[in-house]
């Protein structure tokens, strides 16, 4: 199986007519015409797995089978249910206990074994932060979907309070809390 995977990777990278013919030949080997049961031999398991894979313009192998709400492919494999983990086990080897299978390419539906590596949960978090994929980055101002005010309204609140209007009247005009107006005026919000 590892030999087929490495041959597919080489054929995929070779965009010459010979490389495409080699890729087609390897795919024909992987996809026999008969349907197989998921609980049969490893070769049949590989065939079933590869029937859910599409090779795109990039080096990624895209999983087109069922995907969970987070975008990870799902595949039933002994002691696994995620497609990228199954791909790692089929093409690279066992995943050590307690370890995660991470993506170099940051494409959740990618099952290319060359794009997968093993790491801890801490490695996964460090990788996410290093690549700026963490969603816990606060959104300020108009970028925050919960914001009631625009930059123009904030500037208007500041100028009207500076010219003598009360903060309490600004709460009524812009339909925001007194604390929000106070923080805007003190430039704790909308800096």
N, C-alpha and C. Protein backbone atom coordinates (compact mmCIF):
# COMPACT_ATOMS: atom_id res chain seq x y z
N UNK A 1 0.82 -1.20 0.00
CA UNK A 1 0.00 0.00 0.00
C UNK A 1 0.86 1.26 0.00
N UNK A 2 1.95 1.21 0.79
CA UNK A 2 2.84 2.37 0.84
C UNK A 2 3.46 2.63 -0.53
N UNK A 3 3.76 1.53 -1.26
CA UNK A 3 4.36 1.68 -2.59
C UNK A 3 3.38 2.33 -3.55
N UNK A 4 2.12 1.93 -3.48
CA UNK A 4 1.10 2.52 -4.36
C UNK A 4 0.95 4.01 -4.04
N UNK A 5 0.91 4.34 -2.74
CA UNK A 5 0.76 5.73 -2.34
C UNK A 5 1.92 6.58 -2.81
N UNK A 6 3.14 6.09 -2.64
CA UNK A 6 4.29 6.88 -3.07
C UNK A 6 4.33 7.00 -4.59
N UNK A 7 3.93 5.93 -5.30
CA UNK A 7 3.88 6.00 -6.77
C UNK A 7 2.82 7.00 -7.22
N UNK A 8 1.68 7.05 -6.50
CA UNK A 8 0.64 8.02 -6.84
C UNK A 8 1.13 9.45 -6.62
N UNK A 9 1.84 9.67 -5.53
CA UNK A 9 2.37 11.01 -5.25
C UNK A 9 3.33 11.43 -6.35
N UNK A 10 4.23 10.54 -6.76
CA UNK A 10 5.18 10.86 -7.82
C UNK A 10 4.47 11.13 -9.13
N UNK A 11 3.48 10.30 -9.44
CA UNK A 11 2.73 10.48 -10.69
C UNK A 11 1.94 11.77 -10.66
N UNK A 12 1.41 12.12 -9.49
CA UNK A 12 0.64 13.35 -9.36
C UNK A 12 1.54 14.58 -9.55
N UNK A 13 2.76 14.50 -9.09
CA UNK A 13 3.68 15.63 -9.22
C UNK A 13 4.21 15.76 -10.64
N UNK A 14 4.25 14.66 -11.37
CA UNK A 14 4.74 14.67 -12.75
C UNK A 14 3.58 15.00 -13.68
N UNK A 15 3.54 16.20 -14.18
CA UNK A 15 2.41 16.67 -15.00
C UNK A 15 2.63 16.44 -16.49
N UNK A 16 3.60 15.61 -16.83
CA UNK A 16 3.81 15.27 -18.24
C UNK A 16 2.78 14.23 -18.65
N UNK A 17 2.58 14.01 -19.96
CA UNK A 17 1.64 12.97 -20.39
C UNK A 17 1.98 11.58 -19.83
N UNK A 18 3.28 11.29 -19.72
CA UNK A 18 3.66 10.00 -19.16
C UNK A 18 3.25 9.89 -17.69
N UNK A 19 3.43 10.99 -16.95
CA UNK A 19 3.03 11.01 -15.54
C UNK A 19 1.54 10.84 -15.36
N UNK A 20 0.76 11.47 -16.22
CA UNK A 20 -0.70 11.33 -16.16
C UNK A 20 -1.13 9.92 -16.51
N UNK A 21 -0.43 9.30 -17.48
CA UNK A 21 -0.76 7.92 -17.84
C UNK A 21 -0.43 6.98 -16.68
N UNK A 22 0.69 7.25 -16.01
CA UNK A 22 1.06 6.42 -14.86
C UNK A 22 0.02 6.58 -13.75
N UNK A 23 -0.43 7.82 -13.52
CA UNK A 23 -1.45 8.06 -12.50
C UNK A 23 -2.73 7.31 -12.83
N UNK A 24 -3.15 7.37 -14.09
CA UNK A 24 -4.36 6.67 -14.52
C UNK A 24 -4.20 5.16 -14.33
N UNK A 25 -3.03 4.63 -14.65
CA UNK A 25 -2.77 3.21 -14.50
C UNK A 25 -2.87 2.79 -13.03
N UNK A 26 -2.27 3.61 -12.14
CA UNK A 26 -2.32 3.29 -10.71
C UNK A 26 -3.75 3.37 -10.18
N UNK A 27 -4.51 4.35 -10.66
CA UNK A 27 -5.89 4.47 -10.21
C UNK A 27 -6.73 3.29 -10.67
N UNK A 28 -6.46 2.77 -11.87
CA UNK A 28 -7.18 1.58 -12.35
C UNK A 28 -6.88 0.38 -11.47
N UNK A 29 -5.64 0.30 -10.98
CA UNK A 29 -5.28 -0.80 -10.08
C UNK A 29 -6.05 -0.68 -8.76
N UNK A 30 -6.27 0.55 -8.34
CA UNK A 30 -6.95 0.78 -7.06
C UNK A 30 -8.46 0.59 -7.15
N UNK A 31 -9.04 0.75 -8.31
CA UNK A 31 -10.48 0.72 -8.45
C UNK A 31 -10.96 -0.45 -9.31
N UNK A 32 -10.98 -1.65 -8.77
CA UNK A 32 -11.57 -2.75 -9.54
C UNK A 32 -13.06 -2.54 -9.67
N UNK A 33 -13.68 -3.19 -10.64
CA UNK A 33 -15.09 -2.93 -10.93
C UNK A 33 -16.03 -3.51 -9.90
N UNK A 34 -15.63 -4.57 -9.17
CA UNK A 34 -16.55 -5.17 -8.22
C UNK A 34 -16.65 -4.32 -6.95
N UNK A 35 -17.82 -4.34 -6.32
CA UNK A 35 -18.05 -3.65 -5.06
C UNK A 35 -17.50 -4.54 -3.93
N UNK A 36 -16.97 -3.94 -2.90
CA UNK A 36 -16.40 -4.72 -1.81
C UNK A 36 -17.06 -4.37 -0.49
N UNK A 37 -16.94 -5.26 0.43
CA UNK A 37 -17.44 -5.07 1.78
C UNK A 37 -16.36 -4.33 2.57
N UNK A 38 -16.77 -3.44 3.49
CA UNK A 38 -15.79 -2.66 4.23
C UNK A 38 -14.98 -3.52 5.21
N UNK A 39 -15.44 -4.71 5.53
CA UNK A 39 -14.75 -5.54 6.50
C UNK A 39 -14.02 -6.70 5.82
N UNK A 40 -13.37 -6.42 4.72
CA UNK A 40 -12.65 -7.45 4.00
C UNK A 40 -11.16 -7.19 4.09
N UNK A 41 -10.42 -7.63 3.12
CA UNK A 41 -8.97 -7.56 3.16
C UNK A 41 -8.46 -6.11 3.11
N UNK A 42 -7.19 -5.89 3.50
CA UNK A 42 -6.62 -4.55 3.44
C UNK A 42 -6.64 -3.96 2.03
N UNK A 43 -6.48 -4.80 1.01
CA UNK A 43 -6.51 -4.28 -0.36
C UNK A 43 -7.90 -3.74 -0.70
N UNK A 44 -8.94 -4.47 -0.26
CA UNK A 44 -10.30 -4.00 -0.48
C UNK A 44 -10.58 -2.72 0.32
N UNK A 45 -10.00 -2.62 1.51
CA UNK A 45 -10.15 -1.43 2.34
C UNK A 45 -9.51 -0.23 1.63
N UNK A 46 -8.34 -0.43 1.05
CA UNK A 46 -7.67 0.63 0.31
C UNK A 46 -8.50 1.06 -0.89
N UNK A 47 -9.07 0.09 -1.58
CA UNK A 47 -9.92 0.39 -2.74
C UNK A 47 -11.12 1.23 -2.32
N UNK A 48 -11.75 0.83 -1.23
CA UNK A 48 -12.90 1.58 -0.73
C UNK A 48 -12.49 2.99 -0.31
N UNK A 49 -11.34 3.09 0.34
CA UNK A 49 -10.83 4.40 0.77
C UNK A 49 -10.59 5.31 -0.44
N UNK A 50 -9.85 4.77 -1.42
CA UNK A 50 -9.47 5.58 -2.58
C UNK A 50 -10.67 5.97 -3.45
N UNK A 51 -11.78 5.24 -3.32
CA UNK A 51 -12.97 5.61 -4.10
C UNK A 51 -13.58 6.92 -3.61
N UNK A 52 -13.15 7.39 -2.45
CA UNK A 52 -13.65 8.65 -1.89
C UNK A 52 -12.62 9.78 -2.02
N UNK A 53 -11.57 9.57 -2.80
CA UNK A 53 -10.49 10.55 -2.92
C UNK A 53 -10.47 11.12 -4.33
N UNK A 54 -10.29 12.43 -4.40
CA UNK A 54 -10.14 13.12 -5.69
C UNK A 54 -8.83 13.88 -5.64
N UNK A 55 -8.08 13.79 -6.72
CA UNK A 55 -6.81 14.50 -6.82
C UNK A 55 -7.06 15.84 -7.48
N UNK A 56 -6.68 16.91 -6.81
CA UNK A 56 -6.94 18.24 -7.34
C UNK A 56 -5.73 18.85 -8.01
N UNK A 57 -5.83 20.15 -8.26
CA UNK A 57 -4.75 20.88 -8.91
C UNK A 57 -3.55 21.01 -7.97
N UNK A 58 -3.81 21.02 -6.66
CA UNK A 58 -2.70 21.07 -5.70
C UNK A 58 -2.26 19.65 -5.38
N UNK A 59 -1.35 19.52 -4.44
CA UNK A 59 -0.87 18.20 -4.04
C UNK A 59 -1.83 17.49 -3.10
N UNK A 60 -2.87 18.17 -2.66
CA UNK A 60 -3.81 17.57 -1.72
C UNK A 60 -4.62 16.46 -2.37
N UNK A 61 -4.94 15.46 -1.55
CA UNK A 61 -5.88 14.42 -1.95
C UNK A 61 -7.17 14.76 -1.22
N UNK A 62 -8.18 15.19 -1.94
CA UNK A 62 -9.40 15.69 -1.32
C UNK A 62 -10.38 14.56 -1.03
N UNK A 63 -10.85 14.51 0.19
CA UNK A 63 -11.84 13.51 0.61
C UNK A 63 -13.22 14.00 0.19
N UNK A 64 -13.89 13.22 -0.66
CA UNK A 64 -15.21 13.62 -1.13
C UNK A 64 -16.31 12.75 -0.54
N UNK A 65 -15.93 11.84 0.35
CA UNK A 65 -16.92 11.05 1.07
C UNK A 65 -17.56 11.91 2.15
N UNK A 66 -18.22 11.28 3.09
CA UNK A 66 -18.89 12.02 4.16
C UNK A 66 -17.88 12.84 4.95
N UNK A 67 -18.27 14.07 5.28
CA UNK A 67 -17.45 14.95 6.11
C UNK A 67 -18.27 15.39 7.31
N UNK A 68 -17.62 15.48 8.46
CA UNK A 68 -18.32 15.95 9.66
C UNK A 68 -18.53 17.47 9.56
N UNK A 69 -19.27 18.06 10.48
CA UNK A 69 -19.53 19.51 10.41
C UNK A 69 -18.28 20.38 10.43
N UNK A 70 -17.17 19.88 10.92
CA UNK A 70 -15.92 20.65 10.94
C UNK A 70 -15.13 20.51 9.65
N UNK A 71 -15.56 19.62 8.75
CA UNK A 71 -14.90 19.47 7.46
C UNK A 71 -13.91 18.32 7.38
N UNK A 72 -13.79 17.52 8.44
CA UNK A 72 -12.91 16.36 8.42
C UNK A 72 -13.64 15.18 7.79
N UNK A 73 -12.94 14.46 6.92
CA UNK A 73 -13.52 13.29 6.29
C UNK A 73 -13.75 12.18 7.30
N UNK A 74 -14.80 11.43 7.09
CA UNK A 74 -15.12 10.28 7.96
C UNK A 74 -14.97 9.00 7.16
N UNK A 75 -14.32 8.00 7.78
CA UNK A 75 -14.10 6.72 7.12
C UNK A 75 -13.99 5.64 8.19
N UNK A 76 -14.72 4.56 8.03
CA UNK A 76 -14.67 3.48 9.00
C UNK A 76 -13.47 2.59 8.69
N UNK A 77 -12.56 2.56 9.63
CA UNK A 77 -11.33 1.78 9.51
C UNK A 77 -11.11 1.18 10.89
N UNK A 78 -10.45 0.05 11.03
CA UNK A 78 -10.28 -0.54 12.37
C UNK A 78 -9.74 0.47 13.38
N UNK A 79 -10.52 0.71 14.40
CA UNK A 79 -10.20 1.62 15.51
C UNK A 79 -10.06 3.07 15.07
N UNK A 80 -10.59 3.44 13.95
CA UNK A 80 -10.54 4.83 13.46
C UNK A 80 -11.88 5.20 12.84
N UNK A 81 -12.16 6.49 12.83
CA UNK A 81 -13.34 6.96 12.12
C UNK A 81 -13.07 8.24 11.33
N UNK A 82 -11.87 8.78 11.40
CA UNK A 82 -11.52 9.95 10.61
C UNK A 82 -10.65 9.54 9.43
N UNK A 83 -10.95 10.10 8.28
CA UNK A 83 -10.28 9.68 7.04
C UNK A 83 -8.79 9.99 7.06
N UNK A 84 -8.38 11.14 7.59
CA UNK A 84 -6.95 11.47 7.57
C UNK A 84 -6.16 10.55 8.50
N UNK A 85 -6.76 10.14 9.61
CA UNK A 85 -6.08 9.19 10.50
C UNK A 85 -5.99 7.81 9.85
N UNK A 86 -7.06 7.41 9.16
CA UNK A 86 -7.06 6.13 8.43
C UNK A 86 -5.99 6.16 7.33
N UNK A 87 -5.89 7.28 6.63
CA UNK A 87 -4.87 7.42 5.57
C UNK A 87 -3.48 7.27 6.16
N UNK A 88 -3.24 7.90 7.29
CA UNK A 88 -1.93 7.80 7.93
C UNK A 88 -1.63 6.34 8.28
N UNK A 89 -2.62 5.66 8.86
CA UNK A 89 -2.41 4.26 9.25
C UNK A 89 -2.18 3.37 8.03
N UNK A 90 -2.93 3.61 6.95
CA UNK A 90 -2.79 2.75 5.76
C UNK A 90 -1.46 2.96 5.05
N UNK A 91 -1.04 4.22 4.92
CA UNK A 91 0.10 4.53 4.07
C UNK A 91 1.41 4.74 4.82
N UNK A 92 1.34 5.14 6.08
CA UNK A 92 2.57 5.45 6.83
C UNK A 92 2.83 4.42 7.92
N UNK A 93 1.86 4.22 8.78
CA UNK A 93 2.03 3.28 9.88
C UNK A 93 1.11 3.63 11.03
N UNK A 94 1.25 2.91 12.12
CA UNK A 94 0.39 3.13 13.29
C UNK A 94 0.63 4.49 13.91
N UNK A 95 -0.44 5.01 14.52
CA UNK A 95 -0.37 6.26 15.25
C UNK A 95 -0.14 5.90 16.72
N UNK A 96 0.93 6.42 17.33
CA UNK A 96 1.18 6.10 18.74
C UNK A 96 0.00 6.53 19.62
N UNK A 97 -0.22 5.81 20.68
CA UNK A 97 -1.33 6.08 21.60
C UNK A 97 -1.26 7.52 22.12
N UNK A 98 -2.39 8.19 22.10
CA UNK A 98 -2.48 9.55 22.61
C UNK A 98 -2.01 10.63 21.65
N UNK A 99 -1.56 10.24 20.48
CA UNK A 99 -1.05 11.21 19.51
C UNK A 99 -2.12 11.59 18.51
N UNK A 100 -1.98 12.74 17.92
CA UNK A 100 -2.89 13.26 16.90
C UNK A 100 -2.22 13.16 15.54
N UNK A 101 -3.04 13.13 14.49
CA UNK A 101 -2.52 13.21 13.12
C UNK A 101 -2.83 14.62 12.63
N UNK A 102 -1.80 15.39 12.33
CA UNK A 102 -1.93 16.80 11.97
C UNK A 102 -1.72 17.00 10.47
N UNK A 103 -2.24 18.10 9.96
CA UNK A 103 -2.10 18.44 8.54
C UNK A 103 -1.04 19.51 8.34
N UNK A 104 -0.10 19.29 7.44
CA UNK A 104 0.87 20.33 7.06
C UNK A 104 0.19 21.37 6.19
N UNK A 105 -0.78 20.93 5.39
CA UNK A 105 -1.41 21.78 4.38
C UNK A 105 -2.59 22.57 4.93
N UNK A 106 -3.04 22.29 6.14
CA UNK A 106 -4.18 22.95 6.77
C UNK A 106 -5.48 22.78 6.01
N UNK A 107 -5.58 21.73 5.21
CA UNK A 107 -6.82 21.41 4.51
C UNK A 107 -7.43 20.22 5.23
N UNK A 108 -8.54 20.45 5.92
CA UNK A 108 -9.11 19.41 6.77
C UNK A 108 -9.53 18.16 6.01
N UNK A 109 -9.94 18.33 4.76
CA UNK A 109 -10.40 17.16 4.00
C UNK A 109 -9.26 16.49 3.23
N UNK A 110 -8.02 16.92 3.43
CA UNK A 110 -6.88 16.32 2.73
C UNK A 110 -6.48 15.01 3.41
N UNK A 111 -6.25 13.98 2.59
CA UNK A 111 -5.82 12.67 3.10
C UNK A 111 -4.50 12.22 2.47
N UNK A 112 -3.76 13.15 1.86
CA UNK A 112 -2.47 12.83 1.27
C UNK A 112 -1.50 12.49 2.41
N UNK A 113 -0.95 11.27 2.43
CA UNK A 113 -0.07 10.89 3.53
C UNK A 113 1.18 11.76 3.65
N UNK A 114 1.60 12.40 2.57
CA UNK A 114 2.76 13.30 2.66
C UNK A 114 2.41 14.61 3.35
N UNK A 115 1.14 14.92 3.50
CA UNK A 115 0.71 16.14 4.16
C UNK A 115 0.37 15.91 5.62
N UNK A 116 0.50 14.68 6.09
CA UNK A 116 0.11 14.32 7.45
C UNK A 116 1.35 14.03 8.30
N UNK A 117 1.27 14.41 9.57
CA UNK A 117 2.35 14.08 10.50
C UNK A 117 1.75 13.88 11.88
N UNK A 118 2.48 13.20 12.73
CA UNK A 118 2.00 12.87 14.07
C UNK A 118 2.52 13.91 15.06
N UNK A 119 1.67 14.30 16.00
CA UNK A 119 2.08 15.24 17.03
C UNK A 119 1.13 15.18 18.20
N UNK A 120 1.48 15.88 19.25
CA UNK A 120 0.62 15.95 20.44
C UNK A 120 -0.44 17.02 20.25
N UNK A 121 -1.37 17.09 21.18
CA UNK A 121 -2.37 18.15 21.13
C UNK A 121 -1.70 19.51 21.27
N UNK A 122 -0.64 19.58 22.08
CA UNK A 122 0.10 20.85 22.23
C UNK A 122 0.73 21.24 20.90
N UNK A 123 1.28 20.27 20.16
CA UNK A 123 1.84 20.55 18.84
C UNK A 123 0.75 21.09 17.91
N UNK A 124 -0.43 20.52 18.00
CA UNK A 124 -1.56 20.94 17.17
C UNK A 124 -1.94 22.39 17.47
N UNK A 125 -1.98 22.74 18.75
CA UNK A 125 -2.32 24.12 19.14
C UNK A 125 -1.22 25.08 18.71
N UNK A 126 0.05 24.71 18.90
CA UNK A 126 1.16 25.59 18.49
C UNK A 126 1.15 25.81 16.98
N UNK A 127 0.87 24.75 16.23
CA UNK A 127 0.78 24.84 14.77
C UNK A 127 -0.35 25.79 14.36
N UNK A 128 -1.49 25.66 15.03
CA UNK A 128 -2.64 26.51 14.73
C UNK A 128 -2.32 27.99 15.00
N UNK A 129 -1.71 28.26 16.13
CA UNK A 129 -1.38 29.65 16.49
C UNK A 129 -0.30 30.20 15.55
N UNK A 130 0.72 29.39 15.23
CA UNK A 130 1.80 29.84 14.35
C UNK A 130 1.27 30.19 12.96
N UNK A 131 0.25 29.46 12.52
CA UNK A 131 -0.33 29.70 11.19
C UNK A 131 -1.51 30.66 11.24
N UNK A 132 -1.76 31.23 12.43
CA UNK A 132 -2.83 32.24 12.62
C UNK A 132 -4.19 31.70 12.20
N UNK A 133 -4.47 30.46 12.61
CA UNK A 133 -5.75 29.86 12.31
C UNK A 133 -6.66 29.82 13.53
N UNK A 134 -6.18 30.34 14.66
CA UNK A 134 -7.01 30.28 15.86
C UNK A 134 -8.14 31.30 15.76
N UNK A 135 -9.32 30.85 16.11
CA UNK A 135 -10.50 31.69 15.98
C UNK A 135 -10.75 32.53 17.22
N UNK A 136 -9.87 32.43 18.21
CA UNK A 136 -10.06 33.18 19.44
C UNK A 136 -9.44 34.57 19.37
N UNK A 137 -9.11 35.02 18.19
CA UNK A 137 -8.57 36.36 18.02
C UNK A 137 -9.75 37.32 18.13
N UNK A 138 -9.70 38.26 19.07
CA UNK A 138 -10.84 39.15 19.23
C UNK A 138 -11.03 40.07 18.02
N UNK A 139 -12.27 40.34 17.71
CA UNK A 139 -12.60 41.23 16.61
C UNK A 139 -13.08 42.55 17.20
N UNK A 140 -12.47 43.63 16.78
CA UNK A 140 -12.80 44.93 17.33
C UNK A 140 -13.54 45.77 16.31
N UNK A 141 -14.29 46.75 16.85
CA UNK A 141 -14.96 47.72 15.98
C UNK A 141 -15.99 47.07 15.07
N UNK A 142 -16.06 47.57 13.85
CA UNK A 142 -17.06 47.10 12.90
C UNK A 142 -16.81 45.67 12.45
N UNK A 143 -15.61 45.14 12.70
CA UNK A 143 -15.31 43.75 12.34
C UNK A 143 -16.03 42.78 13.27
N UNK A 144 -16.40 43.23 14.45
CA UNK A 144 -17.12 42.40 15.39
C UNK A 144 -18.58 42.32 14.99
N UNK A 145 -19.10 41.12 14.71
CA UNK A 145 -20.48 41.00 14.25
C UNK A 145 -21.51 41.42 15.30
N UNK A 146 -21.11 41.52 16.57
CA UNK A 146 -22.02 41.94 17.63
C UNK A 146 -22.03 43.46 17.82
N UNK A 147 -21.21 44.18 17.11
CA UNK A 147 -21.11 45.62 17.27
C UNK A 147 -22.39 46.31 16.80
N UNK A 148 -22.88 47.23 17.63
CA UNK A 148 -24.08 48.00 17.27
C UNK A 148 -23.70 49.30 16.56
N UNK A 149 -22.46 49.72 16.75
CA UNK A 149 -22.06 51.03 16.26
C UNK A 149 -21.05 50.93 15.12
N UNK A 150 -21.02 51.99 14.32
CA UNK A 150 -20.02 52.11 13.27
C UNK A 150 -18.95 53.09 13.73
N UNK A 151 -17.86 53.15 13.03
CA UNK A 151 -16.79 54.10 13.36
C UNK A 151 -17.33 55.54 13.34
N UNK A 152 -18.17 55.84 12.36
CA UNK A 152 -18.74 57.19 12.24
C UNK A 152 -19.59 57.54 13.46
N UNK A 153 -20.39 56.60 13.96
CA UNK A 153 -21.22 56.84 15.13
C UNK A 153 -20.36 57.04 16.38
N UNK A 154 -19.29 56.27 16.51
CA UNK A 154 -18.39 56.42 17.65
C UNK A 154 -17.75 57.81 17.64
N UNK A 155 -17.29 58.24 16.48
CA UNK A 155 -16.70 59.59 16.37
C UNK A 155 -17.74 60.66 16.72
N UNK A 156 -18.99 60.43 16.31
CA UNK A 156 -20.06 61.39 16.61
C UNK A 156 -20.33 61.44 18.11
N UNK A 157 -20.34 60.29 18.78
CA UNK A 157 -20.54 60.26 20.24
C UNK A 157 -19.45 61.05 20.92
N UNK A 158 -18.21 60.84 20.55
CA UNK A 158 -17.09 61.55 21.18
C UNK A 158 -17.18 63.05 20.96
N UNK A 159 -17.50 63.45 19.75
CA UNK A 159 -17.56 64.90 19.47
C UNK A 159 -18.75 65.55 20.18
N UNK A 160 -19.88 64.86 20.24
CA UNK A 160 -21.06 65.45 20.89
C UNK A 160 -20.86 65.55 22.40
N UNK A 161 -20.22 64.55 23.02
CA UNK A 161 -19.95 64.61 24.46
C UNK A 161 -18.90 65.69 24.73
N UNK A 162 -17.91 65.81 23.86
CA UNK A 162 -16.88 66.85 24.03
C UNK A 162 -17.48 68.25 23.89
N UNK A 163 -18.55 68.38 23.10
CA UNK A 163 -19.17 69.70 22.92
C UNK A 163 -20.22 69.99 23.99
N UNK A 164 -20.42 69.07 24.96
CA UNK A 164 -21.27 69.39 26.10
C UNK A 164 -22.50 68.50 26.28
N UNK A 165 -22.83 67.65 25.35
CA UNK A 165 -23.99 66.78 25.54
C UNK A 165 -23.66 65.71 26.56
N UNK A 166 -24.66 65.21 27.24
CA UNK A 166 -24.43 64.22 28.28
C UNK A 166 -24.26 62.82 27.68
N UNK A 167 -23.54 62.02 28.43
CA UNK A 167 -23.38 60.62 28.02
C UNK A 167 -24.72 59.89 28.07
N UNK A 168 -25.56 60.25 29.03
CA UNK A 168 -26.87 59.62 29.17
C UNK A 168 -27.72 59.88 27.92
N UNK A 169 -27.64 61.07 27.36
CA UNK A 169 -28.42 61.36 26.15
C UNK A 169 -27.89 60.56 24.95
N UNK A 170 -26.59 60.30 24.93
CA UNK A 170 -26.00 59.50 23.84
C UNK A 170 -26.49 58.05 23.91
N UNK A 171 -26.73 57.56 25.14
CA UNK A 171 -27.26 56.20 25.30
C UNK A 171 -28.61 56.08 24.60
N UNK A 172 -29.45 57.09 24.78
CA UNK A 172 -30.79 57.06 24.18
C UNK A 172 -30.73 57.24 22.67
N UNK A 173 -29.87 58.11 22.20
CA UNK A 173 -29.77 58.38 20.76
C UNK A 173 -29.26 57.15 20.01
N UNK A 174 -28.24 56.48 20.54
CA UNK A 174 -27.59 55.37 19.82
C UNK A 174 -28.00 53.99 20.34
N UNK A 175 -28.90 53.96 21.34
CA UNK A 175 -29.43 52.71 21.88
C UNK A 175 -28.32 51.78 22.37
N UNK A 176 -27.42 52.33 23.20
CA UNK A 176 -26.36 51.54 23.82
C UNK A 176 -26.35 51.83 25.31
N UNK A 177 -25.65 51.03 26.08
CA UNK A 177 -25.63 51.18 27.54
C UNK A 177 -24.75 52.36 27.96
N UNK A 178 -25.00 52.86 29.17
CA UNK A 178 -24.15 53.94 29.69
C UNK A 178 -22.68 53.52 29.78
N UNK A 179 -22.44 52.25 30.14
CA UNK A 179 -21.06 51.77 30.24
C UNK A 179 -20.37 51.82 28.88
N UNK A 180 -21.10 51.47 27.82
CA UNK A 180 -20.51 51.51 26.47
C UNK A 180 -20.14 52.93 26.10
N UNK A 181 -21.04 53.89 26.34
CA UNK A 181 -20.75 55.29 26.02
C UNK A 181 -19.56 55.78 26.84
N UNK A 182 -19.53 55.46 28.12
CA UNK A 182 -18.43 55.88 28.98
C UNK A 182 -17.09 55.33 28.47
N UNK A 183 -17.07 54.05 28.10
CA UNK A 183 -15.83 53.45 27.60
C UNK A 183 -15.42 54.03 26.26
N UNK A 184 -16.38 54.40 25.43
CA UNK A 184 -16.05 55.04 24.14
C UNK A 184 -15.43 56.40 24.39
N UNK A 185 -16.02 57.16 25.28
CA UNK A 185 -15.53 58.52 25.58
C UNK A 185 -14.12 58.45 26.17
N UNK A 186 -13.87 57.48 27.04
CA UNK A 186 -12.55 57.32 27.67
C UNK A 186 -11.56 56.59 26.77
N UNK A 187 -12.02 56.21 25.58
CA UNK A 187 -11.21 55.51 24.57
C UNK A 187 -10.70 54.15 25.04
N UNK A 188 -11.52 53.50 25.88
CA UNK A 188 -11.24 52.12 26.25
C UNK A 188 -11.80 51.19 25.17
N UNK A 189 -12.81 51.65 24.48
CA UNK A 189 -13.38 50.94 23.32
C UNK A 189 -13.17 51.81 22.11
N UNK A 190 -13.07 51.20 20.95
CA UNK A 190 -12.92 51.93 19.69
C UNK A 190 -11.75 52.89 19.77
N UNK A 191 -10.57 52.37 20.08
CA UNK A 191 -9.38 53.21 20.24
C UNK A 191 -8.95 53.87 18.95
